[in-house]
PDB file of N, CA and C in Angstrom:
ATOM      1  N   MET A   1       7.250  11.414  -7.955  1.00  0.00           N
ATOM      2  CA  MET A   1       7.374  10.203  -7.213  1.00  0.00           C
ATOM      3  C   MET A   1       8.060  10.439  -5.888  1.00  0.00           C
ATOM      4  N   THR A   2       7.523   9.912  -4.835  1.00  0.00           N
ATOM      5  CA  THR A   2       8.117  10.027  -3.512  1.00  0.00           C
ATOM      6  C   THR A   2       8.497   8.615  -3.001  1.00  0.00           C
ATOM      7  N   PHE A   3       9.779   8.498  -2.646  1.00  0.00           N
ATOM      8  CA  PHE A   3      10.216   7.213  -2.125  1.00  0.00           C
ATOM      9  C   PHE A   3      10.661   7.403  -0.664  1.00  0.00           C
ATOM     10  N   LYS A   4      10.154   6.468   0.146  1.00  0.00           N
ATOM     11  CA  LYS A   4      10.520   6.461   1.563  1.00  0.00           C
ATOM     12  C   LYS A   4      10.726   5.079   2.061  1.00  0.00           C
ATOM     13  N   THR A   5      11.434   4.899   3.150  1.00  0.00           N
ATOM     14  CA  THR A   5      11.601   3.582   3.738  1.00  0.00           C
ATOM     15  C   THR A   5      10.355   3.099   4.316  1.00  0.00           C
ATOM     16  N   ILE A   6      10.265   1.871   4.569  1.00  0.00           N
ATOM     17  CA  ILE A   6       9.046   1.271   5.141  1.00  0.00           C
ATOM     18  C   ILE A   6       8.674   1.980   6.474  1.00  0.00           C
ATOM     19  N   ARG A   7       9.694   2.224   7.304  1.00  0.00           N
ATOM     20  CA  ARG A   7       9.437   2.909   8.611  1.00  0.00           C
ATOM     21  C   ARG A   7       8.969   4.346   8.360  1.00  0.00           C
ATOM     22  N   GLN A   8       9.504   5.015   7.414  1.00  0.00           N
ATOM     23  CA  GLN A   8       9.060   6.421   7.182  1.00  0.00           C
ATOM     24  C   GLN A   8       7.649   6.432   6.606  1.00  0.00           C
ATOM     25  N   THR A   9       7.326   5.455   5.767  1.00  0.00           N
ATOM     26  CA  THR A   9       5.997   5.326   5.240  1.00  0.00           C
ATOM     27  C   THR A   9       4.997   5.023   6.306  1.00  0.00           C
ATOM     28  N   ALA A  10       5.288   4.220   7.175  1.00  0.00           N
ATOM     29  CA  ALA A  10       4.465   3.852   8.301  1.00  0.00           C
ATOM     30  C   ALA A  10       4.184   5.130   9.183  1.00  0.00           C
ATOM     31  N   ALA A  11       5.170   5.969   9.366  1.00  0.00           N
ATOM     32  CA  ALA A  11       5.051   7.148  10.159  1.00  0.00           C
ATOM     33  C   ALA A  11       4.056   8.097   9.566  1.00  0.00           C
ATOM     34  N   LEU A  12       3.807   8.002   8.241  1.00  0.00           N
ATOM     35  CA  LEU A  12       2.778   8.844   7.593  1.00  0.00           C
ATOM     36  C   LEU A  12       1.335   8.431   8.062  1.00  0.00           C
ATOM     37  N   GLY A  13       1.199   7.284   8.585  1.00  0.00           N
ATOM     38  CA  GLY A  13      -0.113   6.808   9.036  1.00  0.00           C
ATOM     39  C   GLY A  13      -0.972   6.120   8.032  1.00  0.00           C
ATOM     40  N   ILE A  14      -0.352   5.767   6.928  1.00  0.00           N
ATOM     41  CA  ILE A  14      -1.138   5.090   5.881  1.00  0.00           C
ATOM     42  C   ILE A  14      -1.459   3.691   6.291  1.00  0.00           C
ATOM     43  N   LEU A  15      -0.443   2.920   6.656  1.00  0.00           N
ATOM     44  CA  LEU A  15      -0.570   1.523   7.154  1.00  0.00           C
ATOM     45  C   LEU A  15       0.503   1.335   8.211  1.00  0.00           C
ATOM     46  N   SER A  16       0.311   0.292   9.005  1.00  0.00           N
ATOM     47  CA  SER A  16       1.311   0.065  10.052  1.00  0.00           C
ATOM     48  C   SER A  16       2.605  -0.494   9.409  1.00  0.00           C
ATOM     49  N   GLU A  17       3.683  -0.389  10.142  1.00  0.00           N
ATOM     50  CA  GLU A  17       4.948  -0.942   9.590  1.00  0.00           C
ATOM     51  C   GLU A  17       4.862  -2.467   9.467  1.00  0.00           C
ATOM     52  N   HIS A  18       4.231  -3.113  10.277  1.00  0.00           N
ATOM     53  CA  HIS A  18       4.039  -4.573  10.166  1.00  0.00           C
ATOM     54  C   HIS A  18       3.261  -4.921   8.895  1.00  0.00           C
ATOM     55  N   ARG A  19       2.156  -4.254   8.554  1.00  0.00           N
ATOM     56  CA  ARG A  19       1.399  -4.507   7.405  1.00  0.00           C
ATOM     57  C   ARG A  19       2.200  -4.222   6.164  1.00  0.00           C
ATOM     58  N   LEU A  20       3.015  -3.147   6.188  1.00  0.00           N
ATOM     59  CA  LEU A  20       3.809  -2.744   5.026  1.00  0.00           C
ATOM     60  C   LEU A  20       4.877  -3.798   4.723  1.00  0.00           C
ATOM     61  N   ARG A  21       5.479  -4.319   5.851  1.00  0.00           N
ATOM     62  CA  ARG A  21       6.454  -5.411   5.658  1.00  0.00           C
ATOM     63  C   ARG A  21       5.825  -6.730   5.172  1.00  0.00           C
ATOM     64  N   LEU A  22       4.630  -7.019   5.594  1.00  0.00           N
ATOM     65  CA  LEU A  22       3.971  -8.187   5.038  1.00  0.00           C
ATOM     66  C   LEU A  22       3.608  -7.992   3.564  1.00  0.00           C
ATOM     67  N   MET A  23       3.218  -6.831   3.176  1.00  0.00           N
ATOM     68  CA  MET A  23       2.953  -6.590   1.772  1.00  0.00           C
ATOM     69  C   MET A  23       4.177  -6.651   0.936  1.00  0.00           C
ATOM     70  N   GLN A  24       5.317  -6.136   1.471  1.00  0.00           N
ATOM     71  CA  GLN A  24       6.621  -6.201   0.791  1.00  0.00           C
ATOM     72  C   GLN A  24       7.079  -7.633   0.590  1.00  0.00           C
ATOM     73  N   LYS A  25       6.899  -8.454   1.594  1.00  0.00           N
ATOM     74  CA  LYS A  25       7.297  -9.850   1.504  1.00  0.00           C
ATOM     75  C   LYS A  25       6.446 -10.568   0.497  1.00  0.00           C
ATOM     76  N   ALA A  26       5.122 -10.211   0.360  1.00  0.00           N
ATOM     77  CA  ALA A  26       4.229 -10.888  -0.560  1.00  0.00           C
ATOM     78  C   ALA A  26       4.371 -10.304  -1.977  1.00  0.00           C
ATOM     79  N   GLY A  27       5.198  -9.266  -2.154  1.00  0.00           N
ATOM     80  CA  GLY A  27       5.440  -8.667  -3.485  1.00  0.00           C
ATOM     81  C   GLY A  27       4.285  -7.685  -3.891  1.00  0.00           C
ATOM     82  N   MET A  28       3.557  -7.266  -2.926  1.00  0.00           N
ATOM     83  CA  MET A  28       2.410  -6.306  -3.203  1.00  0.00           C
ATOM     84  C   MET A  28       2.666  -4.896  -2.895  1.00  0.00           C
ATOM     85  N   LEU A  29       3.920  -4.564  -2.475  1.00  0.00           N
ATOM     86  CA  LEU A  29       4.219  -3.166  -2.113  1.00  0.00           C
ATOM     87  C   LEU A  29       5.002  -2.531  -3.217  1.00  0.00           C
ATOM     88  N   PRO A  30       4.542  -1.466  -3.791  1.00  0.00           N
ATOM     89  CA  PRO A  30       5.259  -0.762  -4.935  1.00  0.00           C
ATOM     90  C   PRO A  30       6.534  -0.113  -4.401  1.00  0.00           C
ATOM     91  N   GLY A  31       7.658  -0.336  -5.017  1.00  0.00           N
ATOM     92  CA  GLY A  31       8.841   0.215  -4.654  1.00  0.00           C
ATOM     93  C   GLY A  31      10.063  -0.506  -5.237  1.00  0.00           C
ATOM     94  N   ILE A  32      11.249  -0.075  -4.809  1.00  0.00           N
ATOM     95  CA  ILE A  32      12.509  -0.632  -5.330  1.00  0.00           C
ATOM     96  C   ILE A  32      13.465  -0.902  -4.226  1.00  0.00           C
ATOM     97  N   TYR A  33      14.422  -1.733  -4.535  1.00  0.00           N
ATOM     98  CA  TYR A  33      15.528  -1.976  -3.580  1.00  0.00           C
ATOM     99  C   TYR A  33      16.654  -1.058  -3.953  1.00  0.00           C
ATOM    100  N   THR A  34      17.248  -0.460  -2.917  1.00  0.00           N
ATOM    101  CA  THR A  34      18.493   0.269  -3.084  1.00  0.00           C
ATOM    102  C   THR A  34      19.508  -0.373  -2.151  1.00  0.00           C
ATOM    103  N   GLY A  35      20.334  -1.200  -2.700  1.00  0.00           N
ATOM    104  CA  GLY A  35      21.187  -2.024  -1.869  1.00  0.00           C
ATOM    105  C   GLY A  35      20.262  -3.042  -1.162  1.00  0.00           C
ATOM    106  N   ASN A  36      20.339  -3.067   0.134  1.00  0.00           N
ATOM    107  CA  ASN A  36      19.502  -4.031   0.907  1.00  0.00           C
ATOM    108  C   ASN A  36      18.212  -3.393   1.493  1.00  0.00           C
ATOM    109  N   ARG A  37      18.054  -2.104   1.173  1.00  0.00           N
ATOM    110  CA  ARG A  37      16.969  -1.331   1.749  1.00  0.00           C
ATOM    111  C   ARG A  37      15.836  -1.201   0.685  1.00  0.00           C
ATOM    112  N   PHE A  38      14.616  -1.467   1.165  1.00  0.00           N
ATOM    113  CA  PHE A  38      13.425  -1.335   0.211  1.00  0.00           C
ATOM    114  C   PHE A  38      12.861   0.086   0.368  1.00  0.00           C
ATOM    115  N   MET A  39      12.684   0.711  -0.724  1.00  0.00           N
ATOM    116  CA  MET A  39      12.136   2.105  -0.709  1.00  0.00           C
ATOM    117  C   MET A  39      10.816   1.984  -1.313  1.00  0.00           C
ATOM    118  N   VAL A  40       9.813   2.486  -0.533  1.00  0.00           N
ATOM    119  CA  VAL A  40       8.373   2.421  -1.006  1.00  0.00           C
ATOM    120  C   VAL A  40       8.013   3.615  -1.911  1.00  0.00           C
ATOM    121  N   ASN A  41       7.409   3.367  -2.980  1.00  0.00           N
ATOM    122  CA  ASN A  41       6.913   4.468  -3.863  1.00  0.00           C
ATOM    123  C   ASN A  41       5.511   4.820  -3.188  1.00  0.00           C
ATOM    124  N   VAL A  42       5.504   5.888  -2.415  1.00  0.00           N
ATOM    125  CA  VAL A  42       4.376   6.316  -1.598  1.00  0.00           C
ATOM    126  C   VAL A  42       3.256   6.722  -2.456  1.00  0.00           C
ATOM    127  N   ASP A  43       3.514   7.403  -3.614  1.00  0.00           N
ATOM    128  CA  ASP A  43       2.370   7.858  -4.448  1.00  0.00           C
ATOM    129  C   ASP A  43       1.640   6.619  -5.093  1.00  0.00           C
ATOM    130  N   MET A  44       2.397   5.621  -5.518  1.00  0.00           N
ATOM    131  CA  MET A  44       1.759   4.421  -6.115  1.00  0.00           C
ATOM    132  C   MET A  44       1.082   3.620  -5.010  1.00  0.00           C
ATOM    133  N   LEU A  45       1.572   3.614  -3.801  1.00  0.00           N
ATOM    134  CA  LEU A  45       0.928   2.920  -2.739  1.00  0.00           C
ATOM    135  C   LEU A  45      -0.395   3.542  -2.430  1.00  0.00           C
ATOM    136  N   LYS A  46      -0.471   4.897  -2.368  1.00  0.00           N
ATOM    137  CA  LYS A  46      -1.761   5.555  -2.156  1.00  0.00           C
ATOM    138  C   LYS A  46      -2.756   5.295  -3.286  1.00  0.00           C
ATOM    139  N   GLU A  47      -2.326   5.294  -4.505  1.00  0.00           N
ATOM    140  CA  GLU A  47      -3.156   4.969  -5.640  1.00  0.00           C
ATOM    141  C   GLU A  47      -3.624   3.500  -5.541  1.00  0.00           C
ATOM    142  N   GLN A  48      -2.816   2.586  -5.139  1.00  0.00           N
ATOM    143  CA  GLN A  48      -3.135   1.150  -5.094  1.00  0.00           C
ATOM    144  C   GLN A  48      -4.213   1.051  -4.015  1.00  0.00           C
ATOM    145  N   LEU A  49      -4.046   1.690  -2.874  1.00  0.00           N
ATOM    146  CA  LEU A  49      -4.990   1.517  -1.778  1.00  0.00           C
ATOM    147  C   LEU A  49      -6.382   2.209  -2.134  1.00  0.00           C
ATOM    148  N   GLN A  50      -6.307   3.309  -2.879  1.00  0.00           N
ATOM    149  CA  GLN A  50      -7.513   4.007  -3.310  1.00  0.00           C
ATOM    150  C   GLN A  50      -8.327   3.104  -4.279  1.00  0.00           C
ATOM    151  N   ARG A  51      -7.600   2.453  -5.181  1.00  0.00           N
ATOM    152  CA  ARG A  51      -8.273   1.575  -6.171  1.00  0.00           C
ATOM    153  C   ARG A  51      -8.945   0.346  -5.427  1.00  0.00           C
ATOM    154  N   ALA A  52      -8.189  -0.128  -4.396  1.00  0.00           N
ATOM    155  CA  ALA A  52      -8.722  -1.277  -3.692  1.00  0.00           C
ATOM    156  C   ALA A  52      -9.994  -0.857  -2.864  1.00  0.00           C
ATOM    157  N   CYS A  53     -10.013   0.385  -2.348  1.00  0.00           N
ATOM    158  CA  CYS A  53     -11.143   0.843  -1.593  1.00  0.00           C
ATOM    159  C   CYS A  53     -12.320   1.014  -2.585  1.00  0.00           C
ATOM    160  N   GLU A  54     -12.079   1.527  -3.771  1.00  0.00           N
ATOM    161  CA  GLU A  54     -13.163   1.717  -4.755  1.00  0.00           C
ATOM    162  C   GLU A  54     -13.763   0.378  -5.144  1.00  0.00           C
ATOM    163  N   VAL A  55     -12.904  -0.597  -5.408  1.00  0.00           N
ATOM    164  CA  VAL A  55     -13.378  -1.979  -5.806  1.00  0.00           C
ATOM    165  C   VAL A  55     -14.209  -2.555  -4.681  1.00  0.00           C
ATOM    166  N   ARG A  56     -13.733  -2.412  -3.441  1.00  0.00           N
ATOM    167  CA  ARG A  56     -14.397  -2.954  -2.270  1.00  0.00           C
ATOM    168  C   ARG A  56     -15.763  -2.277  -2.110  1.00  0.00           C
ATOM    169  N   GLY A  57     -15.832  -0.971  -2.317  1.00  0.00           N
ATOM    170  CA  GLY A  57     -17.087  -0.225  -2.182  1.00  0.00           C
ATOM    171  C   GLY A  57     -18.059  -0.666  -3.224  1.00  0.00           C
ATOM    172  N   GLN A  58     -17.656  -0.981  -4.450  1.00  0.00           N
ATOM    173  CA  GLN A  58     -18.531  -1.438  -5.482  1.00  0.00           C
ATOM    174  C   GLN A  58     -19.074  -2.820  -5.102  1.00  0.00           C
ATOM    175  N   GLN A  59     -18.136  -3.690  -4.612  1.00  0.00           N
ATOM    176  CA  GLN A  59     -18.580  -5.029  -4.245  1.00  0.00           C
ATOM    177  C   GLN A  59     -19.627  -4.997  -3.118  1.00  0.00           C
ATOM    178  N   ASP A  60     -19.368  -4.119  -2.166  1.00  0.00           N
ATOM    179  CA  ASP A  60     -20.351  -3.986  -1.021  1.00  0.00           C
ATOM    180  C   ASP A  60     -21.691  -3.488  -1.515  1.00  0.00           C
ATOM    181  N   GLY A  61     -21.687  -2.587  -2.476  1.00  0.00           N
ATOM    182  CA  GLY A  61     -22.909  -2.044  -3.031  1.00  0.00           C
ATOM    183  C   GLY A  61     -23.682  -3.109  -3.775  1.00  0.00           C
ATOM    184  N   GLU A  62     -22.989  -3.972  -4.504  1.00  0.00           N
ATOM    185  CA  GLU A  62     -23.677  -5.038  -5.232  1.00  0.00           C
ATOM    186  C   GLU A  62     -24.264  -6.050  -4.224  1.00  0.00           C
ATOM    187  N   GLN A  63     -23.633  -6.362  -3.154  1.00  0.00           N
ATOM    188  CA  GLN A  63     -24.129  -7.246  -2.174  1.00  0.00           C
ATOM    189  C   GLN A  63     -25.399  -6.685  -1.447  1.00  0.00           C
ATOM    190  N   ASN A  64     -25.395  -5.413  -1.212  1.00  0.00           N
ATOM    191  CA  ASN A  64     -26.507  -4.778  -0.525  1.00  0.00           C
ATOM    192  C   ASN A  64     -27.765  -4.700  -1.459  1.00  0.00           C
ATOM    193  N   SER A  65     -27.600  -4.714  -2.727  1.00  0.00           N
ATOM    194  CA  SER A  65     -28.707  -4.626  -3.604  1.00  0.00           C
ATOM    195  C   SER A  65     -29.374  -5.948  -3.872  1.00  0.00           C
ATOM    196  N   LEU A  66     -28.817  -6.987  -3.370  1.00  0.00           N
ATOM    197  CA  LEU A  66     -29.398  -8.326  -3.566  1.00  0.00           C
ATOM    198  C   LEU A  66     -30.513  -8.608  -2.612  1.00  0.00           C
TER     199      LEU A  66
END
């Protein structure tokens, strides 16, 4: 498991800092609080985004076959 701050995670180029903060506020960002700082579980975030892409790809495929 790799934990990074939101700013450090954004620097990886996965998502923008703004998008990460919106996800965190909505409770959709995997991670934990250490004091008042939120630490993102980067590995889980990558898996979450990969699953979302796969689901989206399947939905697009179903729409194209209609």
